[in-house]
Amino acid sequence: MGDGVWTEFDLLLDEHTSVRDAHDISQTLQYCAEALPEVDRAFVAIDYSAQNPAGHSMDNS
């Protein structure tokens, strides 16, 4: 891509958040992050539970 960094955000939203609101929140975060001069690309994932699949679990070590 370029000399900038790629970022990844994992957002935990209330399970009752509408799809529209979840979309708007994640898209706004992506656009704001990508507006930073050092960021080439931002990826935003949203979930309603902290219990992620084993392949994407949090490492607390």
PDB file of N, CA and C in Angstrom:
ATOM      1  N   MET A   1       0.828  -1.189   0.000  1.00  0.00           N
ATOM      2  CA  MET A   1       0.000   0.000   0.000  1.00  0.00           C
ATOM      3  C   MET A   1       0.869   1.248   0.000  1.00  0.00           C
ATOM      4  N   GLY A   2       1.400   1.590   1.141  1.00  0.00           N
ATOM      5  CA  GLY A   2       2.177   2.809   1.286  1.00  0.00           C
ATOM      6  C   GLY A   2       3.038   2.720   2.516  1.00  0.00           C
ATOM      7  N   ASP A   3       3.451   3.864   2.994  1.00  0.00           N
ATOM      8  CA  ASP A   3       4.311   3.902   4.171  1.00  0.00           C
ATOM      9  C   ASP A   3       3.528   3.980   5.472  1.00  0.00           C
ATOM     10  N   GLY A   4       2.239   4.163   5.395  1.00  0.00           N
ATOM     11  CA  GLY A   4       1.410   4.278   6.587  1.00  0.00           C
ATOM     12  C   GLY A   4       1.069   2.926   7.183  1.00  0.00           C
ATOM     13  N   VAL A   5       0.334   2.971   8.266  1.00  0.00           N
ATOM     14  CA  VAL A   5      -0.027   1.750   8.980  1.00  0.00           C
ATOM     15  C   VAL A   5      -1.448   1.329   8.636  1.00  0.00           C
ATOM     16  N   TRP A   6      -1.717   0.066   8.850  1.00  0.00           N
ATOM     17  CA  TRP A   6      -3.061  -0.476   8.786  1.00  0.00           C
ATOM     18  C   TRP A   6      -3.526  -0.633  10.221  1.00  0.00           C
ATOM     19  N   THR A   7      -4.762  -0.308  10.490  1.00  0.00           N
ATOM     20  CA  THR A   7      -5.298  -0.419  11.838  1.00  0.00           C
ATOM     21  C   THR A   7      -6.486  -1.379  11.842  1.00  0.00           C
ATOM     22  N   GLU A   8      -6.736  -1.923  13.006  1.00  0.00           N
ATOM     23  CA  GLU A   8      -7.906  -2.784  13.169  1.00  0.00           C
ATOM     24  C   GLU A   8      -8.575  -2.425  14.479  1.00  0.00           C
ATOM     25  N   PHE A   9      -9.871  -2.199  14.419  1.00  0.00           N
ATOM     26  CA  PHE A   9     -10.662  -1.889  15.604  1.00  0.00           C
ATOM     27  C   PHE A   9     -11.692  -2.984  15.788  1.00  0.00           C
ATOM     28  N   ASP A  10     -11.821  -3.482  17.000  1.00  0.00           N
ATOM     29  CA  ASP A  10     -12.868  -4.438  17.355  1.00  0.00           C
ATOM     30  C   ASP A  10     -13.791  -3.745  18.343  1.00  0.00           C
ATOM     31  N   LEU A  11     -15.005  -3.471  17.931  1.00  0.00           N
ATOM     32  CA  LEU A  11     -15.962  -2.765  18.777  1.00  0.00           C
ATOM     33  C   LEU A  11     -16.962  -3.730  19.377  1.00  0.00           C
ATOM     34  N   LEU A  12     -17.214  -3.562  20.653  1.00  0.00           N
ATOM     35  CA  LEU A  12     -18.223  -4.345  21.345  1.00  0.00           C
ATOM     36  C   LEU A  12     -19.420  -3.432  21.582  1.00  0.00           C
ATOM     37  N   LEU A  13     -20.522  -3.713  20.885  1.00  0.00           N
ATOM     38  CA  LEU A  13     -21.733  -2.913  20.996  1.00  0.00           C
ATOM     39  C   LEU A  13     -22.817  -3.693  21.728  1.00  0.00           C
ATOM     40  N   ASP A  14     -23.755  -2.975  22.290  1.00  0.00           N
ATOM     41  CA  ASP A  14     -24.896  -3.611  22.940  1.00  0.00           C
ATOM     42  C   ASP A  14     -25.622  -4.486  21.920  1.00  0.00           C
ATOM     43  N   GLU A  15     -26.082  -5.633  22.360  1.00  0.00           N
ATOM     44  CA  GLU A  15     -26.732  -6.563  21.438  1.00  0.00           C
ATOM     45  C   GLU A  15     -28.019  -6.009  20.832  1.00  0.00           C
ATOM     46  N   HIS A  16     -28.558  -4.962  21.395  1.00  0.00           N
ATOM     47  CA  HIS A  16     -29.789  -4.371  20.874  1.00  0.00           C
ATOM     48  C   HIS A  16     -29.527  -3.188  19.947  1.00  0.00           C
ATOM     49  N   THR A  17     -28.263  -2.925  19.644  1.00  0.00           N
ATOM     50  CA  THR A  17     -27.921  -1.852  18.714  1.00  0.00           C
ATOM     51  C   THR A  17     -28.439  -2.220  17.330  1.00  0.00           C
ATOM     52  N   SER A  18     -29.113  -1.292  16.702  1.00  0.00           N
ATOM     53  CA  SER A  18     -29.660  -1.580  15.372  1.00  0.00           C
ATOM     54  C   SER A  18     -28.526  -1.727  14.355  1.00  0.00           C
ATOM     55  N   VAL A  19     -28.824  -2.428  13.288  1.00  0.00           N
ATOM     56  CA  VAL A  19     -27.834  -2.591  12.216  1.00  0.00           C
ATOM     57  C   VAL A  19     -27.452  -1.224  11.661  1.00  0.00           C
ATOM     58  N   ARG A  20     -28.420  -0.354  11.521  1.00  0.00           N
ATOM     59  CA  ARG A  20     -28.154   0.996  11.007  1.00  0.00           C
ATOM     60  C   ARG A  20     -27.164   1.745  11.909  1.00  0.00           C
ATOM     61  N   ASP A  21     -27.407   1.718  13.226  1.00  0.00           N
ATOM     62  CA  ASP A  21     -26.501   2.408  14.152  1.00  0.00           C
ATOM     63  C   ASP A  21     -25.119   1.770  14.168  1.00  0.00           C
ATOM     64  N   ALA A  22     -25.074   0.440  14.163  1.00  0.00           N
ATOM     65  CA  ALA A  22     -23.786  -0.259  14.153  1.00  0.00           C
ATOM     66  C   ALA A  22     -22.992   0.097  12.904  1.00  0.00           C
ATOM     67  N   HIS A  23     -23.664   0.137  11.775  1.00  0.00           N
ATOM     68  CA  HIS A  23     -23.020   0.519  10.519  1.00  0.00           C
ATOM     69  C   HIS A  23     -22.478   1.944  10.592  1.00  0.00           C
ATOM     70  N   ASP A  24     -23.307   2.871  11.053  1.00  0.00           N
ATOM     71  CA  ASP A  24     -22.904   4.267  11.115  1.00  0.00           C
ATOM     72  C   ASP A  24     -21.721   4.474  12.062  1.00  0.00           C
ATOM     73  N   ILE A  25     -21.742   3.801  13.189  1.00  0.00           N
ATOM     74  CA  ILE A  25     -20.638   3.904  14.154  1.00  0.00           C
ATOM     75  C   ILE A  25     -19.348   3.372  13.548  1.00  0.00           C
ATOM     76  N   SER A  26     -19.411   2.181  12.960  1.00  0.00           N
ATOM     77  CA  SER A  26     -18.195   1.577  12.421  1.00  0.00           C
ATOM     78  C   SER A  26     -17.668   2.346  11.214  1.00  0.00           C
ATOM     79  N   GLN A  27     -18.554   2.830  10.370  1.00  0.00           N
ATOM     80  CA  GLN A  27     -18.115   3.580   9.196  1.00  0.00           C
ATOM     81  C   GLN A  27     -17.503   4.922   9.596  1.00  0.00           C
ATOM     82  N   THR A  28     -18.079   5.584  10.580  1.00  0.00           N
ATOM     83  CA  THR A  28     -17.518   6.847  11.059  1.00  0.00           C
ATOM     84  C   THR A  28     -16.129   6.633  11.638  1.00  0.00           C
ATOM     85  N   LEU A  29     -15.959   5.574  12.432  1.00  0.00           N
ATOM     86  CA  LEU A  29     -14.639   5.272  12.987  1.00  0.00           C
ATOM     87  C   LEU A  29     -13.635   4.992  11.881  1.00  0.00           C
ATOM     88  N   GLN A  30     -14.035   4.237  10.879  1.00  0.00           N
ATOM     89  CA  GLN A  30     -13.142   3.934   9.763  1.00  0.00           C
ATOM     90  C   GLN A  30     -12.719   5.210   9.040  1.00  0.00           C
ATOM     91  N   TYR A  31     -13.673   6.058   8.707  1.00  0.00           N
ATOM     92  CA  TYR A  31     -13.360   7.296   7.983  1.00  0.00           C
ATOM     93  C   TYR A  31     -12.462   8.219   8.813  1.00  0.00           C
ATOM     94  N   CYS A  32     -12.735   8.316  10.103  1.00  0.00           N
ATOM     95  CA  CYS A  32     -11.911   9.178  10.963  1.00  0.00           C
ATOM     96  C   CYS A  32     -10.483   8.646  11.067  1.00  0.00           C
ATOM     97  N   ALA A  33     -10.339   7.346  11.231  1.00  0.00           N
ATOM     98  CA  ALA A  33      -9.000   6.757  11.322  1.00  0.00           C
ATOM     99  C   ALA A  33      -8.246   6.935  10.019  1.00  0.00           C
ATOM    100  N   GLU A  34      -8.914   6.718   8.897  1.00  0.00           N
ATOM    101  CA  GLU A  34      -8.249   6.842   7.597  1.00  0.00           C
ATOM    102  C   GLU A  34      -7.953   8.294   7.232  1.00  0.00           C
ATOM    103  N   ALA A  35      -8.538   9.251   7.936  1.00  0.00           N
ATOM    104  CA  ALA A  35      -8.233  10.665   7.716  1.00  0.00           C
ATOM    105  C   ALA A  35      -6.913  11.055   8.369  1.00  0.00           C
ATOM    106  N   LEU A  36      -6.423  10.228   9.290  1.00  0.00           N
ATOM    107  CA  LEU A  36      -5.131  10.499   9.918  1.00  0.00           C
ATOM    108  C   LEU A  36      -4.024  10.274   8.896  1.00  0.00           C
ATOM    109  N   PRO A  37      -3.052  11.161   8.836  1.00  0.00           N
ATOM    110  CA  PRO A  37      -2.028  11.055   7.786  1.00  0.00           C
ATOM    111  C   PRO A  37      -1.193   9.782   7.862  1.00  0.00           C
ATOM    112  N   GLU A  38      -1.038   9.210   9.038  1.00  0.00           N
ATOM    113  CA  GLU A  38      -0.205   8.017   9.164  1.00  0.00           C
ATOM    114  C   GLU A  38      -0.956   6.708   8.919  1.00  0.00           C
ATOM    115  N   VAL A  39      -2.261   6.771   8.719  1.00  0.00           N
ATOM    116  CA  VAL A  39      -3.081   5.568   8.526  1.00  0.00           C
ATOM    117  C   VAL A  39      -3.427   5.411   7.047  1.00  0.00           C
ATOM    118  N   ASP A  40      -3.014   4.276   6.462  1.00  0.00           N
ATOM    119  CA  ASP A  40      -3.373   3.964   5.081  1.00  0.00           C
ATOM    120  C   ASP A  40      -4.731   3.288   4.995  1.00  0.00           C
ATOM    121  N   ARG A  41      -5.023   2.402   5.958  1.00  0.00           N
ATOM    122  CA  ARG A  41      -6.258   1.613   5.882  1.00  0.00           C
ATOM    123  C   ARG A  41      -6.716   1.276   7.286  1.00  0.00           C
ATOM    124  N   ALA A  42      -8.009   1.355   7.522  1.00  0.00           N
ATOM    125  CA  ALA A  42      -8.593   1.006   8.817  1.00  0.00           C
ATOM    126  C   ALA A  42      -9.661  -0.057   8.608  1.00  0.00           C
ATOM    127  N   PHE A  43      -9.606  -1.085   9.422  1.00  0.00           N
ATOM    128  CA  PHE A  43     -10.603  -2.151   9.402  1.00  0.00           C
ATOM    129  C   PHE A  43     -11.369  -2.098  10.715  1.00  0.00           C
ATOM    130  N   VAL A  44     -12.678  -2.182  10.645  1.00  0.00           N
ATOM    131  CA  VAL A  44     -13.516  -2.113  11.835  1.00  0.00           C
ATOM    132  C   VAL A  44     -14.413  -3.340  11.868  1.00  0.00           C
ATOM    133  N   ALA A  45     -14.341  -4.077  12.961  1.00  0.00           N
ATOM    134  CA  ALA A  45     -15.219  -5.231  13.178  1.00  0.00           C
ATOM    135  C   ALA A  45     -16.111  -4.914  14.376  1.00  0.00           C
ATOM    136  N   ILE A  46     -17.352  -5.332  14.305  1.00  0.00           N
ATOM    137  CA  ILE A  46     -18.267  -5.103  15.414  1.00  0.00           C
ATOM    138  C   ILE A  46     -18.823  -6.434  15.897  1.00  0.00           C
ATOM    139  N   ASP A  47     -19.101  -6.484  17.180  1.00  0.00           N
ATOM    140  CA  ASP A  47     -19.658  -7.693  17.780  1.00  0.00           C
ATOM    141  C   ASP A  47     -20.552  -7.271  18.931  1.00  0.00           C
ATOM    142  N   TYR A  48     -21.376  -8.190  19.414  1.00  0.00           N
ATOM    143  CA  TYR A  48     -22.244  -7.924  20.552  1.00  0.00           C
ATOM    144  C   TYR A  48     -21.847  -8.755  21.767  1.00  0.00           C
ATOM    145  N   SER A  49     -20.816  -9.593  21.618  1.00  0.00           N
ATOM    146  CA  SER A  49     -20.381 -10.465  22.704  1.00  0.00           C
ATOM    147  C   SER A  49     -18.859 -10.490  22.777  1.00  0.00           C
ATOM    148  N   ALA A  50     -18.335 -10.503  23.985  1.00  0.00           N
ATOM    149  CA  ALA A  50     -16.885 -10.583  24.172  1.00  0.00           C
ATOM    150  C   ALA A  50     -16.379 -12.008  24.000  1.00  0.00           C
ATOM    151  N   GLN A  51     -17.277 -12.976  23.859  1.00  0.00           N
ATOM    152  CA  GLN A  51     -16.912 -14.379  23.671  1.00  0.00           C
ATOM    153  C   GLN A  51     -16.656 -14.626  22.194  1.00  0.00           C
ATOM    154  N   ASN A  52     -15.429 -14.320  21.748  1.00  0.00           N
ATOM    155  CA  ASN A  52     -15.062 -14.468  20.342  1.00  0.00           C
ATOM    156  C   ASN A  52     -14.731 -15.916  20.009  1.00  0.00           C
ATOM    157  N   PRO A  53     -14.781 -16.261  18.733  1.00  0.00           N
ATOM    158  CA  PRO A  53     -14.333 -17.589  18.327  1.00  0.00           C
ATOM    159  C   PRO A  53     -12.858 -17.795  18.717  1.00  0.00           C
ATOM    160  N   ALA A  54     -12.468 -19.022  18.912  1.00  0.00           N
ATOM    161  CA  ALA A  54     -11.115 -19.340  19.382  1.00  0.00           C
ATOM    162  C   ALA A  54     -10.020 -18.754  18.493  1.00  0.00           C
ATOM    163  N   GLY A  55     -10.255 -18.662  17.214  1.00  0.00           N
ATOM    164  CA  GLY A  55      -9.255 -18.120  16.296  1.00  0.00           C
ATOM    165  C   GLY A  55      -9.071 -16.620  16.395  1.00  0.00           C
ATOM    166  N   HIS A  56      -9.917 -15.960  17.147  1.00  0.00           N
ATOM    167  CA  HIS A  56      -9.850 -14.510  17.237  1.00  0.00           C
ATOM    168  C   HIS A  56      -9.971 -14.076  18.694  1.00  0.00           C
ATOM    169  N   SER A  57      -9.450 -14.909  19.590  1.00  0.00           N
ATOM    170  CA  SER A  57      -9.583 -14.638  21.015  1.00  0.00           C
ATOM    171  C   SER A  57      -8.579 -13.603  21.481  1.00  0.00           C
ATOM    172  N   MET A  58      -8.878 -13.004  22.623  1.00  0.00           N
ATOM    173  CA  MET A  58      -7.986 -12.000  23.197  1.00  0.00           C
ATOM    174  C   MET A  58      -6.906 -12.700  23.995  1.00  0.00           C
ATOM    175  N   ASP A  59      -5.675 -12.233  23.842  1.00  0.00           N
ATOM    176  CA  ASP A  59      -4.541 -12.773  24.597  1.00  0.00           C
ATOM    177  C   ASP A  59      -4.264 -11.825  25.740  1.00  0.00           C
ATOM    178  N   ASN A  60      -4.510 -12.266  26.954  1.00  0.00           N
ATOM    179  CA  ASN A  60      -4.323 -11.415  28.132  1.00  0.00           C
ATOM    180  C   ASN A  60      -2.984 -11.637  28.812  1.00  0.00           C
ATOM    181  N   SER A  61      -2.022 -12.239  28.101  1.00  0.00           N
ATOM    182  CA  SER A  61      -0.736 -12.492  28.741  1.00  0.00           C
ATOM    183  C   SER A  61       0.170 -11.289  28.682  1.00  0.00           C
TER     184      SER A  61
END
